[in-house]
């Protein structure tokens, strides 16, 4: 089964908003791929209490390394972490789609 990496801005969003958009992005990616995808869990609800933004980005890049496809939310370019994830996917040849 192919692995899906989801990149979406999360700063200032509630958990419910993040999960709602994530569900939408996954559905679009699966429709594009024509198959069910294994979603890499990059919504870190169990992060350390003192985790800084760079910690989250480092964890995300670990998951991106194993992805077969990366889906980016429409407003990905507005978020620093998403821009870095996009550049990494592009540089390392991970197929991408924007929704």
PDB file of N, CA and C in Angstrom:
ATOM      1  N   UNK A   1       0.833  -1.172   0.000  1.00  0.00           N
ATOM      2  CA  UNK A   1       0.000   0.000   0.000  1.00  0.00           C
ATOM      3  C   UNK A   1       0.889   1.251   0.000  1.00  0.00           C
ATOM      4  N   UNK A   2       0.538   2.208  -0.830  1.00  0.00           N
ATOM      5  CA  UNK A   2       1.309   3.451  -0.910  1.00  0.00           C
ATOM      6  C   UNK A   2       1.070   4.307   0.326  1.00  0.00           C
ATOM      7  N   UNK A   3       2.123   5.052   0.704  1.00  0.00           N
ATOM      8  CA  UNK A   3       2.058   5.894   1.892  1.00  0.00           C
ATOM      9  C   UNK A   3       1.842   7.354   1.501  1.00  0.00           C
ATOM     10  N   UNK A   4       0.925   8.003   2.213  1.00  0.00           N
ATOM     11  CA  UNK A   4       0.561   9.389   1.953  1.00  0.00           C
ATOM     12  C   UNK A   4       1.038  10.305   3.066  1.00  0.00           C
ATOM     13  N   UNK A   5       1.713  11.371   2.680  1.00  0.00           N
ATOM     14  CA  UNK A   5       2.137  12.427   3.602  1.00  0.00           C
ATOM     15  C   UNK A   5       1.214  13.618   3.392  1.00  0.00           C
ATOM     16  N   UNK A   6       0.656  14.158   4.475  1.00  0.00           N
ATOM     17  CA  UNK A   6      -0.250  15.304   4.407  1.00  0.00           C
ATOM     18  C   UNK A   6       0.452  16.528   4.987  1.00  0.00           C
ATOM     19  N   UNK A   7       0.485  17.606   4.188  1.00  0.00           N
ATOM     20  CA  UNK A   7       1.067  18.859   4.650  1.00  0.00           C
ATOM     21  C   UNK A   7      -0.021  19.924   4.656  1.00  0.00           C
ATOM     22  N   UNK A   8      -0.229  20.489   5.825  1.00  0.00           N
ATOM     23  CA  UNK A   8      -1.243  21.520   5.958  1.00  0.00           C
ATOM     24  C   UNK A   8      -0.838  22.498   7.048  1.00  0.00           C
ATOM     25  N   UNK A   9      -1.136  23.780   6.873  1.00  0.00           N
ATOM     26  CA  UNK A   9      -0.872  24.741   7.941  1.00  0.00           C
ATOM     27  C   UNK A   9      -1.707  24.386   9.164  1.00  0.00           C
ATOM     28  N   UNK A  10      -1.082  24.428  10.336  1.00  0.00           N
ATOM     29  CA  UNK A  10      -1.794  24.077  11.569  1.00  0.00           C
ATOM     30  C   UNK A  10      -1.791  25.208  12.586  1.00  0.00           C
ATOM     31  N   UNK A  11      -0.901  26.166  12.433  1.00  0.00           N
ATOM     32  CA  UNK A  11      -0.789  27.252  13.399  1.00  0.00           C
ATOM     33  C   UNK A  11      -2.095  28.044  13.466  1.00  0.00           C
ATOM     34  N   UNK A  12      -2.623  28.170  14.673  1.00  0.00           N
ATOM     35  CA  UNK A  12      -3.841  28.929  14.868  1.00  0.00           C
ATOM     36  C   UNK A  12      -5.124  28.164  14.581  1.00  0.00           C
ATOM     37  N   UNK A  13      -5.012  26.904  14.204  1.00  0.00           N
ATOM     38  CA  UNK A  13      -6.185  26.073  13.897  1.00  0.00           C
ATOM     39  C   UNK A  13      -6.495  25.177  15.094  1.00  0.00           C
ATOM     40  N   UNK A  14      -7.772  24.909  15.308  1.00  0.00           N
ATOM     41  CA  UNK A  14      -8.161  23.971  16.364  1.00  0.00           C
ATOM     42  C   UNK A  14      -7.917  22.549  15.879  1.00  0.00           C
ATOM     43  N   UNK A  15      -7.863  21.617  16.806  1.00  0.00           N
ATOM     44  CA  UNK A  15      -7.696  20.212  16.427  1.00  0.00           C
ATOM     45  C   UNK A  15      -8.809  19.766  15.496  1.00  0.00           C
ATOM     46  N   UNK A  16     -10.038  20.197  15.777  1.00  0.00           N
ATOM     47  CA  UNK A  16     -11.168  19.827  14.923  1.00  0.00           C
ATOM     48  C   UNK A  16     -11.002  20.358  13.503  1.00  0.00           C
ATOM     49  N   UNK A  17     -10.555  21.598  13.382  1.00  0.00           N
ATOM     50  CA  UNK A  17     -10.342  22.192  12.050  1.00  0.00           C
ATOM     51  C   UNK A  17      -9.243  21.458  11.290  1.00  0.00           C
ATOM     52  N   UNK A  18      -8.178  21.135  11.992  1.00  0.00           N
ATOM     53  CA  UNK A  18      -7.061  20.411  11.369  1.00  0.00           C
ATOM     54  C   UNK A  18      -7.531  19.048  10.873  1.00  0.00           C
ATOM     55  N   UNK A  19      -8.233  18.325  11.728  1.00  0.00           N
ATOM     56  CA  UNK A  19      -8.675  16.979  11.355  1.00  0.00           C
ATOM     57  C   UNK A  19      -9.707  16.998  10.234  1.00  0.00           C
ATOM     58  N   UNK A  20     -10.559  18.005  10.205  1.00  0.00           N
ATOM     59  CA  UNK A  20     -11.547  18.130   9.124  1.00  0.00           C
ATOM     60  C   UNK A  20     -10.855  18.361   7.784  1.00  0.00           C
ATOM     61  N   UNK A  21      -9.898  19.299   7.765  1.00  0.00           N
ATOM     62  CA  UNK A  21      -9.165  19.547   6.519  1.00  0.00           C
ATOM     63  C   UNK A  21      -8.342  18.333   6.118  1.00  0.00           C
ATOM     64  N   UNK A  22      -7.744  17.676   7.082  1.00  0.00           N
ATOM     65  CA  UNK A  22      -6.930  16.486   6.823  1.00  0.00           C
ATOM     66  C   UNK A  22      -7.766  15.397   6.157  1.00  0.00           C
ATOM     67  N   UNK A  23      -8.970  15.186   6.650  1.00  0.00           N
ATOM     68  CA  UNK A  23      -9.874  14.189   6.069  1.00  0.00           C
ATOM     69  C   UNK A  23     -10.173  14.527   4.605  1.00  0.00           C
ATOM     70  N   UNK A  24     -10.412  15.794   4.330  1.00  0.00           N
ATOM     71  CA  UNK A  24     -10.670  16.256   2.966  1.00  0.00           C
ATOM     72  C   UNK A  24      -9.451  15.998   2.061  1.00  0.00           C
ATOM     73  N   UNK A  25      -8.264  16.348   2.545  1.00  0.00           N
ATOM     74  CA  UNK A  25      -7.044  16.168   1.757  1.00  0.00           C
ATOM     75  C   UNK A  25      -6.787  14.689   1.458  1.00  0.00           C
ATOM     76  N   UNK A  26      -7.026  13.841   2.430  1.00  0.00           N
ATOM     77  CA  UNK A  26      -6.831  12.404   2.247  1.00  0.00           C
ATOM     78  C   UNK A  26      -7.797  11.869   1.191  1.00  0.00           C
ATOM     79  N   UNK A  27      -9.044  12.293   1.264  1.00  0.00           N
ATOM     80  CA  UNK A  27     -10.039  11.855   0.278  1.00  0.00           C
ATOM     81  C   UNK A  27      -9.639  12.278  -1.129  1.00  0.00           C
ATOM     82  N   UNK A  28      -9.167  13.505  -1.275  1.00  0.00           N
ATOM     83  CA  UNK A  28      -8.730  13.994  -2.593  1.00  0.00           C
ATOM     84  C   UNK A  28      -7.521  13.203  -3.096  1.00  0.00           C
ATOM     85  N   UNK A  29      -6.576  12.917  -2.218  1.00  0.00           N
ATOM     86  CA  UNK A  29      -5.378  12.173  -2.608  1.00  0.00           C
ATOM     87  C   UNK A  29      -5.729  10.750  -3.020  1.00  0.00           C
ATOM     88  N   UNK A  30      -6.637  10.109  -2.284  1.00  0.00           N
ATOM     89  CA  UNK A  30      -7.035   8.743  -2.627  1.00  0.00           C
ATOM     90  C   UNK A  30      -7.802   8.714  -3.950  1.00  0.00           C
ATOM     91  N   UNK A  31      -8.621   9.725  -4.193  1.00  0.00           N
ATOM     92  CA  UNK A  31      -9.329   9.801  -5.476  1.00  0.00           C
ATOM     93  C   UNK A  31      -8.329   9.979  -6.616  1.00  0.00           C
ATOM     94  N   UNK A  32      -7.331  10.811  -6.390  1.00  0.00           N
ATOM     95  CA  UNK A  32      -6.277  11.042  -7.392  1.00  0.00           C
ATOM     96  C   UNK A  32      -5.471   9.766  -7.657  1.00  0.00           C
ATOM     97  N   UNK A  33      -5.143   9.061  -6.587  1.00  0.00           N
ATOM     98  CA  UNK A  33      -4.334   7.840  -6.705  1.00  0.00           C
ATOM     99  C   UNK A  33      -5.153   6.649  -7.187  1.00  0.00           C
ATOM    100  N   UNK A  34      -6.466   6.717  -7.005  1.00  0.00           N
ATOM    101  CA  UNK A  34      -7.324   5.610  -7.407  1.00  0.00           C
ATOM    102  C   UNK A  34      -7.218   4.404  -6.494  1.00  0.00           C
ATOM    103  N   UNK A  35      -6.798   4.632  -5.269  1.00  0.00           N
ATOM    104  CA  UNK A  35      -6.659   3.539  -4.312  1.00  0.00           C
ATOM    105  C   UNK A  35      -6.624   4.088  -2.892  1.00  0.00           C
ATOM    106  N   UNK A  36      -6.829   3.193  -1.938  1.00  0.00           N
ATOM    107  CA  UNK A  36      -6.705   3.552  -0.534  1.00  0.00           C
ATOM    108  C   UNK A  36      -5.227   3.700  -0.216  1.00  0.00           C
ATOM    109  N   UNK A  37      -4.896   4.735   0.540  1.00  0.00           N
ATOM    110  CA  UNK A  37      -3.501   5.013   0.881  1.00  0.00           C
ATOM    111  C   UNK A  37      -3.287   4.865   2.382  1.00  0.00           C
ATOM    112  N   UNK A  38      -2.101   4.469   2.762  1.00  0.00           N
ATOM    113  CA  UNK A  38      -1.724   4.441   4.179  1.00  0.00           C
ATOM    114  C   UNK A  38      -1.317   5.857   4.553  1.00  0.00           C
ATOM    115  N   UNK A  39      -2.064   6.467   5.441  1.00  0.00           N
ATOM    116  CA  UNK A  39      -1.806   7.857   5.820  1.00  0.00           C
ATOM    117  C   UNK A  39      -0.770   7.903   6.937  1.00  0.00           C
ATOM    118  N   UNK A  40       0.295   8.634   6.697  1.00  0.00           N
ATOM    119  CA  UNK A  40       1.337   8.806   7.699  1.00  0.00           C
ATOM    120  C   UNK A  40       0.829   9.822   8.728  1.00  0.00           C
ATOM    121  N   UNK A  41       0.844   9.469   9.982  1.00  0.00           N
ATOM    122  CA  UNK A  41       0.252  10.298  11.025  1.00  0.00           C
ATOM    123  C   UNK A  41       1.203  11.417  11.439  1.00  0.00           C
ATOM    124  N   UNK A  42       1.007  12.585  10.835  1.00  0.00           N
ATOM    125  CA  UNK A  42       1.862  13.732  11.134  1.00  0.00           C
ATOM    126  C   UNK A  42       1.122  14.797  11.940  1.00  0.00           C
ATOM    127  N   UNK A  43       0.021  14.417  12.565  1.00  0.00           N
ATOM    128  CA  UNK A  43      -0.676  15.289  13.500  1.00  0.00           C
ATOM    129  C   UNK A  43      -0.274  14.805  14.884  1.00  0.00           C
ATOM    130  N   UNK A  44       0.744  15.440  15.442  1.00  0.00           N
ATOM    131  CA  UNK A  44       1.406  14.951  16.645  1.00  0.00           C
ATOM    132  C   UNK A  44       0.698  15.413  17.924  1.00  0.00           C
ATOM    133  N   UNK A  45      -0.315  14.666  18.320  1.00  0.00           N
ATOM    134  CA  UNK A  45      -1.067  15.010  19.520  1.00  0.00           C
ATOM    135  C   UNK A  45      -0.312  14.675  20.802  1.00  0.00           C
ATOM    136  N   UNK A  46       0.696  13.812  20.702  1.00  0.00           N
ATOM    137  CA  UNK A  46       1.453  13.419  21.883  1.00  0.00           C
ATOM    138  C   UNK A  46       2.845  14.055  21.908  1.00  0.00           C
ATOM    139  N   UNK A  47       2.959  15.236  21.324  1.00  0.00           N
ATOM    140  CA  UNK A  47       4.250  15.937  21.288  1.00  0.00           C
ATOM    141  C   UNK A  47       4.651  16.360  22.705  1.00  0.00           C
ATOM    142  N   UNK A  48       5.942  16.492  22.933  1.00  0.00           N
ATOM    143  CA  UNK A  48       6.390  16.974  24.241  1.00  0.00           C
ATOM    144  C   UNK A  48       5.783  18.348  24.539  1.00  0.00           C
ATOM    145  N   UNK A  49       5.512  18.618  25.788  1.00  0.00           N
ATOM    146  CA  UNK A  49       4.883  19.886  26.180  1.00  0.00           C
ATOM    147  C   UNK A  49       5.707  21.099  25.755  1.00  0.00           C
ATOM    148  N   UNK A  50       7.020  20.952  25.731  1.00  0.00           N
ATOM    149  CA  UNK A  50       7.889  22.082  25.378  1.00  0.00           C
ATOM    150  C   UNK A  50       8.358  22.048  23.922  1.00  0.00           C
ATOM    151  N   UNK A  51       7.682  21.263  23.071  1.00  0.00           N
ATOM    152  CA  UNK A  51       8.096  21.129  21.668  1.00  0.00           C
ATOM    153  C   UNK A  51       7.989  22.471  20.947  1.00  0.00           C
ATOM    154  N   UNK A  52       9.026  22.790  20.203  1.00  0.00           N
ATOM    155  CA  UNK A  52       9.069  24.028  19.418  1.00  0.00           C
ATOM    156  C   UNK A  52       8.722  23.686  17.966  1.00  0.00           C
ATOM    157  N   UNK A  53       8.399  24.688  17.154  1.00  0.00           N
ATOM    158  CA  UNK A  53       8.026  24.422  15.762  1.00  0.00           C
ATOM    159  C   UNK A  53       9.049  23.572  15.006  1.00  0.00           C
ATOM    160  N   UNK A  54      10.324  23.765  15.271  1.00  0.00           N
ATOM    161  CA  UNK A  54      11.346  22.990  14.566  1.00  0.00           C
ATOM    162  C   UNK A  54      11.283  21.507  14.944  1.00  0.00           C
ATOM    163  N   UNK A  55      10.863  21.190  16.151  1.00  0.00           N
ATOM    164  CA  UNK A  55      10.686  19.791  16.550  1.00  0.00           C
ATOM    165  C   UNK A  55       9.627  19.146  15.671  1.00  0.00           C
ATOM    166  N   UNK A  56       8.492  19.833  15.495  1.00  0.00           N
ATOM    167  CA  UNK A  56       7.408  19.314  14.657  1.00  0.00           C
ATOM    168  C   UNK A  56       7.881  19.120  13.220  1.00  0.00           C
ATOM    169  N   UNK A  57       8.620  20.081  12.700  1.00  0.00           N
ATOM    170  CA  UNK A  57       9.122  19.977  11.337  1.00  0.00           C
ATOM    171  C   UNK A  57      10.074  18.796  11.190  1.00  0.00           C
ATOM    172  N   UNK A  58      10.949  18.602  12.153  1.00  0.00           N
ATOM    173  CA  UNK A  58      11.878  17.468  12.104  1.00  0.00           C
ATOM    174  C   UNK A  58      11.145  16.138  12.075  1.00  0.00           C
ATOM    175  N   UNK A  59      10.125  16.017  12.919  1.00  0.00           N
ATOM    176  CA  UNK A  59       9.329  14.790  12.930  1.00  0.00           C
ATOM    177  C   UNK A  59       8.614  14.597  11.597  1.00  0.00           C
ATOM    178  N   UNK A  60       8.062  15.666  11.047  1.00  0.00           N
ATOM    179  CA  UNK A  60       7.358  15.585   9.762  1.00  0.00           C
ATOM    180  C   UNK A  60       8.290  15.132   8.646  1.00  0.00           C
ATOM    181  N   UNK A  61       9.498  15.669   8.615  1.00  0.00           N
ATOM    182  CA  UNK A  61      10.443  15.285   7.568  1.00  0.00           C
ATOM    183  C   UNK A  61      10.811  13.805   7.652  1.00  0.00           C
ATOM    184  N   UNK A  62      10.844  13.250   8.849  1.00  0.00           N
ATOM    185  CA  UNK A  62      11.086  11.813   8.992  1.00  0.00           C
ATOM    186  C   UNK A  62       9.996  11.022   8.268  1.00  0.00           C
ATOM    187  N   UNK A  63       8.754  11.437   8.451  1.00  0.00           N
ATOM    188  CA  UNK A  63       7.643  10.758   7.787  1.00  0.00           C
ATOM    189  C   UNK A  63       7.676  10.990   6.282  1.00  0.00           C
ATOM    190  N   UNK A  64       7.987  12.201   5.880  1.00  0.00           N
ATOM    191  CA  UNK A  64       8.052  12.521   4.451  1.00  0.00           C
ATOM    192  C   UNK A  64       9.048  11.608   3.735  1.00  0.00           C
ATOM    193  N   UNK A  65      10.112  11.239   4.407  1.00  0.00           N
ATOM    194  CA  UNK A  65      11.129  10.375   3.807  1.00  0.00           C
ATOM    195  C   UNK A  65      10.584   9.030   3.364  1.00  0.00           C
ATOM    196  N   UNK A  66       9.491   8.570   3.970  1.00  0.00           N
ATOM    197  CA  UNK A  66       8.938   7.266   3.609  1.00  0.00           C
ATOM    198  C   UNK A  66       7.682   7.368   2.733  1.00  0.00           C
ATOM    199  N   UNK A  67       7.322   8.582   2.341  1.00  0.00           N
ATOM    200  CA  UNK A  67       6.092   8.791   1.572  1.00  0.00           C
ATOM    201  C   UNK A  67       6.243   8.433   0.099  1.00  0.00           C
ATOM    202  N   UNK A  68       5.152   7.921  -0.466  1.00  0.00           N
ATOM    203  CA  UNK A  68       5.077   7.673  -1.907  1.00  0.00           C
ATOM    204  C   UNK A  68       4.373   8.831  -2.614  1.00  0.00           C
ATOM    205  N   UNK A  69       3.627   9.610  -1.844  1.00  0.00           N
ATOM    206  CA  UNK A  69       2.884  10.753  -2.372  1.00  0.00           C
ATOM    207  C   UNK A  69       2.722  11.759  -1.243  1.00  0.00           C
ATOM    208  N   UNK A  70       2.859  13.044  -1.576  1.00  0.00           N
ATOM    209  CA  UNK A  70       2.623  14.107  -0.601  1.00  0.00           C
ATOM    210  C   UNK A  70       1.503  14.990  -1.120  1.00  0.00           C
ATOM    211  N   UNK A  71       0.527  15.255  -0.260  1.00  0.00           N
ATOM    212  CA  UNK A  71      -0.573  16.146  -0.617  1.00  0.00           C
ATOM    213  C   UNK A  71      -0.427  17.420   0.208  1.00  0.00           C
ATOM    214  N   UNK A  72      -0.579  18.553  -0.467  1.00  0.00           N
ATOM    215  CA  UNK A  72      -0.427  19.849   0.175  1.00  0.00           C
ATOM    216  C   UNK A  72      -1.743  20.608   0.126  1.00  0.00           C
ATOM    217  N   UNK A  73      -2.146  21.151   1.277  1.00  0.00           N
ATOM    218  CA  UNK A  73      -3.353  21.965   1.339  1.00  0.00           C
ATOM    219  C   UNK A  73      -3.173  23.183   0.437  1.00  0.00           C
ATOM    220  N   UNK A  74      -4.266  23.692  -0.053  1.00  0.00           N
ATOM    221  CA  UNK A  74      -4.243  24.810  -0.987  1.00  0.00           C
ATOM    222  C   UNK A  74      -3.400  25.983  -0.490  1.00  0.00           C
ATOM    223  N   UNK A  75      -3.442  26.260   0.792  1.00  0.00           N
ATOM    224  CA  UNK A  75      -2.720  27.402   1.352  1.00  0.00           C
ATOM    225  C   UNK A  75      -1.359  27.027   1.947  1.00  0.00           C
ATOM    226  N   UNK A  76      -0.750  25.979   1.439  1.00  0.00           N
ATOM    227  CA  UNK A  76       0.523  25.489   1.981  1.00  0.00           C
ATOM    228  C   UNK A  76       1.617  26.551   1.957  1.00  0.00           C
ATOM    229  N   UNK A  77       1.617  27.401   0.936  1.00  0.00           N
ATOM    230  CA  UNK A  77       2.699  28.374   0.771  1.00  0.00           C
ATOM    231  C   UNK A  77       2.676  29.470   1.835  1.00  0.00           C
ATOM    232  N   UNK A  78       1.607  29.532   2.614  1.00  0.00           N
ATOM    233  CA  UNK A  78       1.491  30.541   3.679  1.00  0.00           C
ATOM    234  C   UNK A  78       2.137  30.082   4.983  1.00  0.00           C
ATOM    235  N   UNK A  79       2.575  28.839   5.026  1.00  0.00           N
ATOM    236  CA  UNK A  79       3.136  28.297   6.271  1.00  0.00           C
ATOM    237  C   UNK A  79       4.592  27.877   6.062  1.00  0.00           C
ATOM    238  N   UNK A  80       5.454  28.388   6.906  1.00  0.00           N
ATOM    239  CA  UNK A  80       6.891  28.126   6.809  1.00  0.00           C
ATOM    240  C   UNK A  80       7.202  26.630   6.768  1.00  0.00           C
ATOM    241  N   UNK A  81       6.607  25.839   7.660  1.00  0.00           N
ATOM    242  CA  UNK A  81       6.880  24.401   7.692  1.00  0.00           C
ATOM    243  C   UNK A  81       6.435  23.706   6.418  1.00  0.00           C
ATOM    244  N   UNK A  82       5.271  24.080   5.913  1.00  0.00           N
ATOM    245  CA  UNK A  82       4.770  23.486   4.667  1.00  0.00           C
ATOM    246  C   UNK A  82       5.680  23.825   3.487  1.00  0.00           C
ATOM    247  N   UNK A  83       6.195  25.058   3.465  1.00  0.00           N
ATOM    248  CA  UNK A  83       7.111  25.445   2.375  1.00  0.00           C
ATOM    249  C   UNK A  83       8.378  24.591   2.415  1.00  0.00           C
ATOM    250  N   UNK A  84       8.870  24.315   3.613  1.00  0.00           N
ATOM    251  CA  UNK A  84      10.072  23.486   3.755  1.00  0.00           C
ATOM    252  C   UNK A  84       9.763  22.043   3.345  1.00  0.00           C
ATOM    253  N   UNK A  85       8.606  21.529   3.775  1.00  0.00           N
ATOM    254  CA  UNK A  85       8.203  20.173   3.379  1.00  0.00           C
ATOM    255  C   UNK A  85       8.055  20.077   1.861  1.00  0.00           C
ATOM    256  N   UNK A  86       7.477  21.086   1.245  1.00  0.00           N
ATOM    257  CA  UNK A  86       7.293  21.115  -0.210  1.00  0.00           C
ATOM    258  C   UNK A  86       8.646  21.099  -0.919  1.00  0.00           C
ATOM    259  N   UNK A  87       9.564  21.939  -0.447  1.00  0.00           N
ATOM    260  CA  UNK A  87      10.902  21.994  -1.051  1.00  0.00           C
ATOM    261  C   UNK A  87      11.612  20.650  -0.907  1.00  0.00           C
ATOM    262  N   UNK A  88      11.489  20.013   0.254  1.00  0.00           N
ATOM    263  CA  UNK A  88      12.132  18.711   0.471  1.00  0.00           C
ATOM    264  C   UNK A  88      11.533  17.661  -0.456  1.00  0.00           C
ATOM    265  N   UNK A  89      10.215  17.633  -0.571  1.00  0.00           N
ATOM    266  CA  UNK A  89       9.568  16.664  -1.465  1.00  0.00           C
ATOM    267  C   UNK A  89      10.010  16.885  -2.900  1.00  0.00           C
ATOM    268  N   UNK A  90      10.075  18.134  -3.294  1.00  0.00           N
ATOM    269  CA  UNK A  90      10.504  18.461  -4.661  1.00  0.00           C
ATOM    270  C   UNK A  90      11.954  18.038  -4.906  1.00  0.00           C
ATOM    271  N   UNK A  91      12.832  18.388  -3.991  1.00  0.00           N
ATOM    272  CA  UNK A  91      14.259  18.075  -4.131  1.00  0.00           C
ATOM    273  C   UNK A  91      14.539  16.574  -4.130  1.00  0.00           C
ATOM    274  N   UNK A  92      13.721  15.812  -3.390  1.00  0.00           N
ATOM    275  CA  UNK A  92      13.946  14.377  -3.280  1.00  0.00           C
ATOM    276  C   UNK A  92      13.020  13.545  -4.159  1.00  0.00           C
ATOM    277  N   UNK A  93      12.311  14.203  -5.051  1.00  0.00           N
ATOM    278  CA  UNK A  93      11.530  13.496  -6.065  1.00  0.00           C
ATOM    279  C   UNK A  93      10.300  12.762  -5.553  1.00  0.00           C
ATOM    280  N   UNK A  94       9.712  13.245  -4.469  1.00  0.00           N
ATOM    281  CA  UNK A  94       8.480  12.632  -3.969  1.00  0.00           C
ATOM    282  C   UNK A  94       7.306  13.237  -4.742  1.00  0.00           C
ATOM    283  N   UNK A  95       6.506  12.430  -5.401  1.00  0.00           N
ATOM    284  CA  UNK A  95       5.360  12.971  -6.141  1.00  0.00           C
ATOM    285  C   UNK A  95       4.456  13.799  -5.229  1.00  0.00           C
ATOM    286  N   UNK A  96       3.984  14.919  -5.765  1.00  0.00           N
ATOM    287  CA  UNK A  96       3.181  15.839  -4.977  1.00  0.00           C
ATOM    288  C   UNK A  96       1.906  16.211  -5.705  1.00  0.00           C
ATOM    289  N   UNK A  97       0.918  16.592  -4.913  1.00  0.00           N
ATOM    290  CA  UNK A  97      -0.285  17.188  -5.454  1.00  0.00           C
ATOM    291  C   UNK A  97      -0.740  18.280  -4.503  1.00  0.00           C
ATOM    292  N   UNK A  98      -1.373  19.309  -5.048  1.00  0.00           N
ATOM    293  CA  UNK A  98      -1.911  20.389  -4.239  1.00  0.00           C
ATOM    294  C   UNK A  98      -3.425  20.358  -4.358  1.00  0.00           C
ATOM    295  N   UNK A  99      -4.089  20.533  -3.230  1.00  0.00           N
ATOM    296  CA  UNK A  99      -5.561  20.473  -3.203  1.00  0.00           C
ATOM    297  C   UNK A  99      -6.088  21.808  -2.690  1.00  0.00           C
TER     298      UNK A  99
END
